[in-house]
Amino acid sequence: MKLARQVGYAIGATALVAASLWPLLYAIGSSLKSRDALFDPRLWPDKPTLVHYAGLFRDQPFGENLWNSLLVAGAVVALSLLLALMAAWALGRVQFRGRGVLLTVILAASMFPQVAVLSGMFELVRAFGLYDRLGALVLADLLLTLPFTTWVLVTFMRQLPKELEEAAAMDGVGVLTLVFRIFLPLMWPAVAATGLLAFIAAWNEFLFALSFTLSTEQRTVPVAIALISAPSKYELPWGALMAASVIVTLPLVALVLAFQRLIVSGLTQGAVKG
């Protein structure tokens, strides 16, 4: 029975890994095929070519689109974590009336679909004069990431020893020093995991990026990929689409692998109280 369980576990794990990696491997293989070999059933081409990758940067400002996505995602992560840490301290360590209701409202805000708040966000962006600017995407993406990051960090903030806060108060430490110099190092795995999830959400966001940008130079990569056109109107640019998908996906894979230990530690921290 023990051997059967081990064999079953190995088969299930192999099938799961294969199913997870197959779309990425297929995209990489297709991006390296020439136009004539795109519909060859074999996964890997006989003669790999980088013509689709070169065409992306030659025929459209894909490099600028990548830089825009990096700027937006980086700004969203920085602002989300900064605001969420302060909110987590207030909601997790300070006792005040209505705290539970406020947490429920924050959680409910993350459940609204993007299309439900699109018109309101458009009026807000236009009022601030941010239309067709990267600042509009930063403001809109905060709507997606801030409730999630706040809710998660509140959970970890509550588990920190109260003695640390009492000792800091006796030494005359201010709130900012308490949060960023004492609590933050203890919450670093949770902050890293939450920040990575916020980065992925901002990096892949499409609806707001499509609605609030007009010029090609201000678009992020999800919109740029959706608007890739073929040389002929009678064909679809499969090779360019696959190449763009690989370029966008590989940085996320690299980030997850680089921060794998912090992600696991952050997501499981506090699961067992000892």
C-alpha atoms as a PDB file:
ATOM      1  CA  MET A   1       0.000   0.000   0.000  1.00  0.00           C
ATOM      2  CA  LYS A   2       2.838   2.383   0.797  1.00  0.00           C
ATOM      3  CA  LEU A   3       4.504   1.691  -2.563  1.00  0.00           C
ATOM      4  CA  ALA A   4       1.187   2.156  -4.355  1.00  0.00           C
ATOM      5  CA  ARG A   5       0.693   5.546  -2.683  1.00  0.00           C
ATOM      6  CA  GLN A   6       4.202   6.640  -3.641  1.00  0.00           C
ATOM      7  CA  VAL A   7       3.695   5.556  -7.248  1.00  0.00           C
ATOM      8  CA  GLY A   8       0.320   7.292  -7.367  1.00  0.00           C
ATOM      9  CA  TYR A   9       1.819  10.452  -5.900  1.00  0.00           C
ATOM     10  CA  ALA A  10       4.665  10.410  -8.447  1.00  0.00           C
ATOM     11  CA  ILE A  11       2.254   9.899 -11.359  1.00  0.00           C
ATOM     12  CA  GLY A  12      -0.058  12.659 -10.134  1.00  0.00           C
ATOM     13  CA  ALA A  13       2.813  15.092  -9.555  1.00  0.00           C
ATOM     14  CA  THR A  14       4.255  14.347 -13.003  1.00  0.00           C
ATOM     15  CA  ALA A  15       0.889  14.870 -14.663  1.00  0.00           C
ATOM     16  CA  LEU A  16       0.382  18.142 -12.794  1.00  0.00           C
ATOM     17  CA  VAL A  17       3.816  19.471 -13.745  1.00  0.00           C
ATOM     18  CA  ALA A  18       3.340  18.416 -17.387  1.00  0.00           C
ATOM     19  CA  ALA A  19      -0.082  20.075 -17.586  1.00  0.00           C
ATOM     20  CA  SER A  20       1.310  23.264 -16.020  1.00  0.00           C
ATOM     21  CA  LEU A  21       4.390  23.477 -18.246  1.00  0.00           C
ATOM     22  CA  TRP A  22       2.797  22.402 -21.526  1.00  0.00           C
ATOM     23  CA  PRO A  23       1.301  25.836 -22.474  1.00  0.00           C
ATOM     24  CA  LEU A  24       4.641  27.576 -21.809  1.00  0.00           C
ATOM     25  CA  LEU A  25       6.633  24.956 -23.723  1.00  0.00           C
ATOM     26  CA  TYR A  26       4.169  25.143 -26.605  1.00  0.00           C
ATOM     27  CA  ALA A  27       4.450  28.936 -26.701  1.00  0.00           C
ATOM     28  CA  ILE A  28       8.263  28.790 -26.684  1.00  0.00           C
ATOM     29  CA  GLY A  29       8.326  26.173 -29.444  1.00  0.00           C
ATOM     30  CA  SER A  30       5.824  28.082 -31.582  1.00  0.00           C
ATOM     31  CA  SER A  31       7.681  31.369 -31.127  1.00  0.00           C
ATOM     32  CA  LEU A  32      10.823  29.757 -32.587  1.00  0.00           C
ATOM     33  CA  LYS A  33       9.081  28.388 -35.692  1.00  0.00           C
ATOM     34  CA  SER A  34       9.034  30.086 -39.059  1.00  0.00           C
ATOM     35  CA  ARG A  35       5.714  31.088 -40.618  1.00  0.00           C
ATOM     36  CA  ASP A  36       5.621  27.936 -42.725  1.00  0.00           C
ATOM     37  CA  ALA A  37       6.233  25.647 -39.738  1.00  0.00           C
ATOM     38  CA  LEU A  38       3.781  27.205 -37.283  1.00  0.00           C
ATOM     39  CA  PHE A  39       1.228  24.451 -37.784  1.00  0.00           C
ATOM     40  CA  ASP A  40       3.745  21.622 -37.608  1.00  0.00           C
ATOM     41  CA  PRO A  41       2.491  19.286 -34.826  1.00  0.00           C
ATOM     42  CA  ARG A  42       5.994  18.806 -33.457  1.00  0.00           C
ATOM     43  CA  LEU A  43       6.735  20.795 -30.319  1.00  0.00           C
ATOM     44  CA  TRP A  44      10.255  21.887 -31.255  1.00  0.00           C
ATOM     45  CA  PRO A  45      11.168  23.134 -34.776  1.00  0.00           C
ATOM     46  CA  ASP A  46      13.988  21.651 -36.836  1.00  0.00           C
ATOM     47  CA  LYS A  47      15.401  25.111 -37.517  1.00  0.00           C
ATOM     48  CA  PRO A  48      14.669  27.526 -34.643  1.00  0.00           C
ATOM     49  CA  THR A  49      14.469  31.169 -35.647  1.00  0.00           C
ATOM     50  CA  LEU A  50      14.195  34.438 -33.734  1.00  0.00           C
ATOM     51  CA  VAL A  51      12.401  36.272 -36.538  1.00  0.00           C
ATOM     52  CA  HIS A  52       9.211  36.713 -34.499  1.00  0.00           C
ATOM     53  CA  TYR A  53      11.123  38.209 -31.564  1.00  0.00           C
ATOM     54  CA  ALA A  54      12.970  40.609 -33.849  1.00  0.00           C
ATOM     55  CA  GLY A  55       9.718  41.595 -35.554  1.00  0.00           C
ATOM     56  CA  LEU A  56       8.121  42.520 -32.249  1.00  0.00           C
ATOM     57  CA  PHE A  57      10.723  45.186 -31.493  1.00  0.00           C
ATOM     58  CA  ARG A  58      11.079  46.251 -35.122  1.00  0.00           C
ATOM     59  CA  ASP A  59       7.433  46.679 -36.128  1.00  0.00           C
ATOM     60  CA  GLN A  60       6.065  48.226 -32.909  1.00  0.00           C
ATOM     61  CA  PRO A  61       7.360  49.873 -29.716  1.00  0.00           C
ATOM     62  CA  PHE A  62       7.259  46.642 -27.718  1.00  0.00           C
ATOM     63  CA  GLY A  63      10.307  47.678 -25.716  1.00  0.00           C
ATOM     64  CA  GLU A  64       8.489  50.825 -24.549  1.00  0.00           C
ATOM     65  CA  ASN A  65       5.438  48.721 -23.688  1.00  0.00           C
ATOM     66  CA  LEU A  66       7.586  46.442 -21.527  1.00  0.00           C
ATOM     67  CA  TRP A  67       9.101  49.435 -19.777  1.00  0.00           C
ATOM     68  CA  ASN A  68       5.629  50.889 -19.181  1.00  0.00           C
ATOM     69  CA  SER A  69       4.452  47.627 -17.618  1.00  0.00           C
ATOM     70  CA  LEU A  70       7.536  47.513 -15.405  1.00  0.00           C
ATOM     71  CA  LEU A  71       7.045  51.109 -14.251  1.00  0.00           C
ATOM     72  CA  VAL A  72       3.336  50.635 -13.546  1.00  0.00           C
ATOM     73  CA  ALA A  73       3.754  47.296 -11.753  1.00  0.00           C
ATOM     74  CA  GLY A  74       6.704  48.565  -9.707  1.00  0.00           C
ATOM     75  CA  ALA A  75       4.873  51.742  -8.668  1.00  0.00           C
ATOM     76  CA  VAL A  76       1.729  49.783  -7.796  1.00  0.00           C
ATOM     77  CA  VAL A  77       3.686  47.339  -5.610  1.00  0.00           C
ATOM     78  CA  ALA A  78       5.564  50.118  -3.807  1.00  0.00           C
ATOM     79  CA  LEU A  79       2.431  52.169  -3.105  1.00  0.00           C
ATOM     80  CA  SER A  80       0.339  49.115  -2.201  1.00  0.00           C
ATOM     81  CA  LEU A  81       2.853  47.849   0.338  1.00  0.00           C
ATOM     82  CA  LEU A  82       3.480  51.319   1.789  1.00  0.00           C
ATOM     83  CA  LEU A  83      -0.210  52.059   2.289  1.00  0.00           C
ATOM     84  CA  ALA A  84      -1.078  48.489   3.281  1.00  0.00           C
ATOM     85  CA  LEU A  85       1.603  48.375   5.996  1.00  0.00           C
ATOM     86  CA  MET A  86       0.273  51.528   7.614  1.00  0.00           C
ATOM     87  CA  ALA A  87      -3.322  50.340   7.270  1.00  0.00           C
ATOM     88  CA  ALA A  88      -2.373  46.908   8.633  1.00  0.00           C
ATOM     89  CA  TRP A  89      -0.843  48.516  11.720  1.00  0.00           C
ATOM     90  CA  ALA A  90      -3.965  50.601  12.325  1.00  0.00           C
ATOM     91  CA  LEU A  91      -6.392  47.741  11.690  1.00  0.00           C
ATOM     92  CA  GLY A  92      -4.354  45.035  13.354  1.00  0.00           C
ATOM     93  CA  ARG A  93      -2.872  46.745  16.409  1.00  0.00           C
ATOM     94  CA  VAL A  94      -5.130  49.695  17.261  1.00  0.00           C
ATOM     95  CA  GLN A  95      -8.448  49.085  18.981  1.00  0.00           C
ATOM     96  CA  PHE A  96     -11.277  51.332  17.734  1.00  0.00           C
ATOM     97  CA  ARG A  97     -14.981  51.056  17.118  1.00  0.00           C
ATOM     98  CA  GLY A  98     -16.004  49.787  13.681  1.00  0.00           C
ATOM     99  CA  ARG A  99     -12.727  48.035  12.907  1.00  0.00           C
ATOM    100  CA  GLY A 100     -14.472  44.791  11.935  1.00  0.00           C
ATOM    101  CA  VAL A 101     -16.896  46.630   9.661  1.00  0.00           C
ATOM    102  CA  LEU A 102     -14.018  48.469   7.982  1.00  0.00           C
ATOM    103  CA  LEU A 103     -12.174  45.199   7.344  1.00  0.00           C
ATOM    104  CA  THR A 104     -15.336  43.736   5.846  1.00  0.00           C
ATOM    105  CA  VAL A 105     -15.689  46.744   3.546  1.00  0.00           C
ATOM    106  CA  ILE A 106     -12.066  46.381   2.430  1.00  0.00           C
ATOM    107  CA  LEU A 107     -12.623  42.710   1.663  1.00  0.00           C
ATOM    108  CA  ALA A 108     -15.873  43.481  -0.176  1.00  0.00           C
ATOM    109  CA  ALA A 109     -14.104  46.096  -2.305  1.00  0.00           C
ATOM    110  CA  SER A 110     -11.821  43.393  -3.722  1.00  0.00           C
ATOM    111  CA  MET A 111     -14.844  41.347  -4.860  1.00  0.00           C
ATOM    112  CA  PHE A 112     -16.250  43.908  -7.293  1.00  0.00           C
ATOM    113  CA  PRO A 113     -15.558  43.042 -10.968  1.00  0.00           C
ATOM    114  CA  GLN A 114     -13.468  45.561 -12.850  1.00  0.00           C
ATOM    115  CA  VAL A 115     -16.221  46.387 -15.323  1.00  0.00           C
ATOM    116  CA  ALA A 116     -18.510  47.428 -12.433  1.00  0.00           C
ATOM    117  CA  VAL A 117     -16.160  50.248 -11.409  1.00  0.00           C
ATOM    118  CA  LEU A 118     -14.852  51.115 -14.871  1.00  0.00           C
ATOM    119  CA  SER A 119     -17.130  54.127 -15.446  1.00  0.00           C
ATOM    120  CA  GLY A 120     -16.387  55.590 -12.015  1.00  0.00           C
ATOM    121  CA  MET A 121     -12.653  55.099 -12.474  1.00  0.00           C
ATOM    122  CA  PHE A 122     -12.857  56.768 -15.897  1.00  0.00           C
ATOM    123  CA  GLU A 123     -14.489  59.876 -14.378  1.00  0.00           C
ATOM    124  CA  LEU A 124     -11.854  59.929 -11.626  1.00  0.00           C
ATOM    125  CA  VAL A 125      -8.993  59.589 -14.103  1.00  0.00           C
ATOM    126  CA  ARG A 126     -10.413  62.324 -16.301  1.00  0.00           C
ATOM    127  CA  ALA A 127     -10.938  64.644 -13.312  1.00  0.00           C
ATOM    128  CA  PHE A 128      -7.271  64.244 -12.337  1.00  0.00           C
ATOM    129  CA  GLY A 129      -6.116  64.804 -15.924  1.00  0.00           C
ATOM    130  CA  LEU A 130      -4.426  61.405 -16.059  1.00  0.00           C
ATOM    131  CA  TYR A 131      -6.049  59.985 -19.188  1.00  0.00           C
ATOM    132  CA  ASP A 132      -3.513  58.391 -21.521  1.00  0.00           C
ATOM    133  CA  ARG A 133      -0.855  58.598 -18.808  1.00  0.00           C
ATOM    134  CA  LEU A 134       0.799  55.860 -16.792  1.00  0.00           C
ATOM    135  CA  GLY A 135      -0.444  57.522 -13.610  1.00  0.00           C
ATOM    136  CA  ALA A 136      -3.980  56.487 -14.554  1.00  0.00           C
ATOM    137  CA  LEU A 137      -2.942  52.835 -14.639  1.00  0.00           C
ATOM    138  CA  VAL A 138      -1.162  53.124 -11.285  1.00  0.00           C
ATOM    139  CA  LEU A 139      -4.270  54.660  -9.707  1.00  0.00           C
ATOM    140  CA  ALA A 140      -6.577  52.067 -11.265  1.00  0.00           C
ATOM    141  CA  ASP A 141      -4.391  49.082 -10.395  1.00  0.00           C
ATOM    142  CA  LEU A 142      -4.266  50.169  -6.769  1.00  0.00           C
ATOM    143  CA  LEU A 143      -7.980  49.425  -6.724  1.00  0.00           C
ATOM    144  CA  LEU A 144      -7.118  45.788  -7.452  1.00  0.00           C
ATOM    145  CA  THR A 145      -4.088  45.306  -5.222  1.00  0.00           C
ATOM    146  CA  LEU A 146      -4.596  47.513  -2.164  1.00  0.00           C
ATOM    147  CA  PRO A 147      -7.578  45.653  -0.598  1.00  0.00           C
ATOM    148  CA  PHE A 148      -5.817  42.313  -1.014  1.00  0.00           C
ATOM    149  CA  THR A 149      -2.470  43.465   0.364  1.00  0.00           C
ATOM    150  CA  THR A 150      -4.121  45.227   3.302  1.00  0.00           C
ATOM    151  CA  TRP A 151      -6.228  42.213   4.249  1.00  0.00           C
ATOM    152  CA  VAL A 152      -3.277  39.814   4.086  1.00  0.00           C
ATOM    153  CA  LEU A 153      -0.877  42.049   6.021  1.00  0.00           C
ATOM    154  CA  VAL A 154      -3.462  42.698   8.746  1.00  0.00           C
ATOM    155  CA  THR A 155      -3.494  38.959   9.423  1.00  0.00           C
ATOM    156  CA  PHE A 156       0.269  38.851   9.892  1.00  0.00           C
ATOM    157  CA  MET A 157       0.393  42.119  11.824  1.00  0.00           C
ATOM    158  CA  ARG A 158      -1.977  40.708  14.434  1.00  0.00           C
ATOM    159  CA  GLN A 159       0.361  37.772  15.119  1.00  0.00           C
ATOM    160  CA  LEU A 160       3.373  39.884  16.106  1.00  0.00           C
ATOM    161  CA  PRO A 161       4.156  39.875  19.850  1.00  0.00           C
ATOM    162  CA  LYS A 162       2.569  42.772  21.709  1.00  0.00           C
ATOM    163  CA  GLU A 163       5.667  42.983  23.908  1.00  0.00           C
ATOM    164  CA  LEU A 164       7.597  44.474  20.982  1.00  0.00           C
ATOM    165  CA  GLU A 165       5.122  47.316  20.706  1.00  0.00           C
ATOM    166  CA  GLU A 166       5.138  47.902  24.463  1.00  0.00           C
ATOM    167  CA  ALA A 167       8.939  47.986  24.587  1.00  0.00           C
ATOM    168  CA  ALA A 168       9.027  50.409  21.657  1.00  0.00           C
ATOM    169  CA  ALA A 169       6.479  52.664  23.374  1.00  0.00           C
ATOM    170  CA  MET A 170       8.610  52.744  26.529  1.00  0.00           C
ATOM    171  CA  ASP A 171      11.614  53.816  24.442  1.00  0.00           C
ATOM    172  CA  GLY A 172       9.611  56.600  22.821  1.00  0.00           C
ATOM    173  CA  VAL A 173       9.617  55.069  19.328  1.00  0.00           C
ATOM    174  CA  GLY A 174       7.241  56.680  16.835  1.00  0.00           C
ATOM    175  CA  VAL A 175       4.695  54.879  14.676  1.00  0.00           C
ATOM    176  CA  LEU A 176       6.735  55.021  11.469  1.00  0.00           C
ATOM    177  CA  THR A 177       9.827  53.664  13.183  1.00  0.00           C
ATOM    178  CA  LEU A 178       7.753  50.956  14.833  1.00  0.00           C
ATOM    179  CA  VAL A 179       6.197  49.818  11.559  1.00  0.00           C
ATOM    180  CA  PHE A 180       9.179  50.094   9.204  1.00  0.00           C
ATOM    181  CA  ARG A 181      12.133  49.417  11.522  1.00  0.00           C
ATOM    182  CA  ILE A 182      10.699  46.841  13.951  1.00  0.00           C
ATOM    183  CA  PHE A 183       7.643  45.167  12.409  1.00  0.00           C
ATOM    184  CA  LEU A 184       8.719  45.157   8.752  1.00  0.00           C
ATOM    185  CA  PRO A 185      11.817  42.908   9.186  1.00  0.00           C
ATOM    186  CA  LEU A 186       9.660  40.389  11.039  1.00  0.00           C
ATOM    187  CA  MET A 187       7.025  40.468   8.286  1.00  0.00           C
ATOM    188  CA  TRP A 188       9.470  40.368   5.380  1.00  0.00           C
ATOM    189  CA  PRO A 189       8.414  36.910   4.050  1.00  0.00           C
ATOM    190  CA  ALA A 190       4.757  37.946   4.107  1.00  0.00           C
ATOM    191  CA  VAL A 191       5.555  41.303   2.493  1.00  0.00           C
ATOM    192  CA  ALA A 192       7.601  39.612  -0.244  1.00  0.00           C
ATOM    193  CA  ALA A 193       4.844  37.111  -1.037  1.00  0.00           C
ATOM    194  CA  THR A 194       2.138  39.775  -1.030  1.00  0.00           C
ATOM    195  CA  GLY A 195       4.231  42.146  -3.128  1.00  0.00           C
ATOM    196  CA  LEU A 196       4.901  39.470  -5.724  1.00  0.00           C
ATOM    197  CA  LEU A 197       1.200  38.673  -6.035  1.00  0.00           C
ATOM    198  CA  ALA A 198       0.457  42.395  -6.397  1.00  0.00           C
ATOM    199  CA  PHE A 199       3.158  42.678  -9.077  1.00  0.00           C
ATOM    200  CA  ILE A 200       1.639  39.807 -11.055  1.00  0.00           C
ATOM    201  CA  ALA A 201      -1.836  41.362 -10.829  1.00  0.00           C
ATOM    202  CA  ALA A 202      -0.576  44.744 -12.055  1.00  0.00           C
ATOM    203  CA  TRP A 203       1.644  43.194 -14.744  1.00  0.00           C
ATOM    204  CA  ASN A 204      -1.255  41.189 -16.240  1.00  0.00           C
ATOM    205  CA  GLU A 205      -4.003  43.825 -15.879  1.00  0.00           C
ATOM    206  CA  PHE A 206      -5.774  44.420 -19.191  1.00  0.00           C
ATOM    207  CA  LEU A 207      -9.163  46.159 -18.912  1.00  0.00           C
ATOM    208  CA  PHE A 208      -7.997  49.371 -17.223  1.00  0.00           C
ATOM    209  CA  ALA A 209      -4.887  49.508 -19.415  1.00  0.00           C
ATOM    210  CA  LEU A 210      -7.068  49.236 -22.532  1.00  0.00           C
ATOM    211  CA  SER A 211      -9.599  51.817 -21.321  1.00  0.00           C
ATOM    212  CA  PHE A 212      -7.257  54.499 -19.996  1.00  0.00           C
ATOM    213  CA  THR A 213      -4.537  54.535 -22.680  1.00  0.00           C
ATOM    214  CA  LEU A 214      -4.913  55.778 -26.225  1.00  0.00           C
ATOM    215  CA  SER A 215      -1.441  56.263 -27.696  1.00  0.00           C
ATOM    216  CA  THR A 216       0.717  53.280 -28.574  1.00  0.00           C
ATOM    217  CA  GLU A 217       3.653  54.546 -26.510  1.00  0.00           C
ATOM    218  CA  GLN A 218       1.599  54.559 -23.280  1.00  0.00           C
ATOM    219  CA  ARG A 219       0.272  51.011 -23.570  1.00  0.00           C
ATOM    220  CA  THR A 220       1.359  48.143 -21.372  1.00  0.00           C
ATOM    221  CA  VAL A 221       2.240  44.718 -22.706  1.00  0.00           C
ATOM    222  CA  PRO A 222      -1.177  43.007 -22.271  1.00  0.00           C
ATOM    223  CA  VAL A 223      -2.778  45.664 -24.495  1.00  0.00           C
ATOM    224  CA  ALA A 224       0.165  45.639 -26.897  1.00  0.00           C
ATOM    225  CA  ILE A 225      -0.169  41.859 -27.309  1.00  0.00           C
ATOM    226  CA  ALA A 226      -3.915  42.102 -27.931  1.00  0.00           C
ATOM    227  CA  LEU A 227      -3.360  44.708 -30.672  1.00  0.00           C
ATOM    228  CA  ILE A 228      -0.570  42.912 -32.538  1.00  0.00           C
ATOM    229  CA  SER A 229      -1.481  42.807 -36.206  1.00  0.00           C
ATOM    230  CA  ALA A 230      -0.360  40.512 -39.019  1.00  0.00           C
ATOM    231  CA  PRO A 231       1.201  41.656 -42.302  1.00  0.00           C
ATOM    232  CA  SER A 232      -1.912  40.381 -44.072  1.00  0.00           C
ATOM    233  CA  LYS A 233      -5.490  40.805 -42.901  1.00  0.00           C
ATOM    234  CA  TYR A 234      -6.217  37.202 -43.890  1.00  0.00           C
ATOM    235  CA  GLU A 235      -3.933  35.653 -41.274  1.00  0.00           C
ATOM    236  CA  LEU A 236      -3.335  35.805 -37.543  1.00  0.00           C
ATOM    237  CA  PRO A 237       0.146  36.672 -36.181  1.00  0.00           C
ATOM    238  CA  TRP A 238       0.543  33.438 -34.192  1.00  0.00           C
ATOM    239  CA  GLY A 239       4.327  33.593 -34.149  1.00  0.00           C
ATOM    240  CA  ALA A 240       4.433  37.183 -32.876  1.00  0.00           C
ATOM    241  CA  LEU A 241       1.740  36.471 -30.290  1.00  0.00           C
ATOM    242  CA  MET A 242       3.644  33.460 -28.977  1.00  0.00           C
ATOM    243  CA  ALA A 243       6.916  35.396 -28.860  1.00  0.00           C
ATOM    244  CA  ALA A 244       5.287  38.265 -26.962  1.00  0.00           C
ATOM    245  CA  SER A 245       3.654  35.835 -24.534  1.00  0.00           C
ATOM    246  CA  VAL A 246       7.012  34.211 -23.796  1.00  0.00           C
ATOM    247  CA  ILE A 247       8.677  37.585 -23.217  1.00  0.00           C
ATOM    248  CA  VAL A 248       5.929  38.615 -20.801  1.00  0.00           C
ATOM    249  CA  THR A 249       5.727  35.278 -18.962  1.00  0.00           C
ATOM    250  CA  LEU A 250       9.404  34.464 -18.386  1.00  0.00           C
ATOM    251  CA  PRO A 251      10.070  37.430 -16.021  1.00  0.00           C
ATOM    252  CA  LEU A 252       7.193  36.292 -13.808  1.00  0.00           C
ATOM    253  CA  VAL A 253       8.526  32.734 -13.781  1.00  0.00           C
ATOM    254  CA  ALA A 254      11.980  34.030 -12.873  1.00  0.00           C
ATOM    255  CA  LEU A 255      10.560  36.145 -10.024  1.00  0.00           C
ATOM    256  CA  VAL A 256       8.608  33.235  -8.595  1.00  0.00           C
ATOM    257  CA  LEU A 257      11.658  30.974  -8.717  1.00  0.00           C
ATOM    258  CA  ALA A 258      13.887  33.631  -7.165  1.00  0.00           C
ATOM    259  CA  PHE A 259      11.485  34.325  -4.295  1.00  0.00           C
ATOM    260  CA  GLN A 260      10.177  30.791  -3.938  1.00  0.00           C
ATOM    261  CA  ARG A 261      11.333  30.308  -0.358  1.00  0.00           C
ATOM    262  CA  LEU A 262      10.007  33.674   0.761  1.00  0.00           C
ATOM    263  CA  ILE A 263       6.672  32.979  -0.924  1.00  0.00           C
ATOM    264  CA  VAL A 264       6.233  29.638   0.824  1.00  0.00           C
ATOM    265  CA  SER A 265       7.378  31.077   4.148  1.00  0.00           C
ATOM    266  CA  GLY A 266       5.137  34.101   3.797  1.00  0.00           C
ATOM    267  CA  LEU A 267       2.031  32.176   2.830  1.00  0.00           C
ATOM    268  CA  THR A 268       2.462  29.636   5.644  1.00  0.00           C
ATOM    269  CA  GLN A 269       3.792  31.974   8.344  1.00  0.00           C
ATOM    270  CA  GLY A 270       1.544  31.942  11.365  1.00  0.00           C
ATOM    271  CA  ALA A 271      -0.332  28.816  10.280  1.00  0.00           C
ATOM    272  CA  VAL A 272       0.899  27.073  13.438  1.00  0.00           C
ATOM    273  CA  LYS A 273       1.283  29.000  16.679  1.00  0.00           C
ATOM    274  CA  GLY A 274       3.941  27.576  18.953  1.00  0.00           C
END
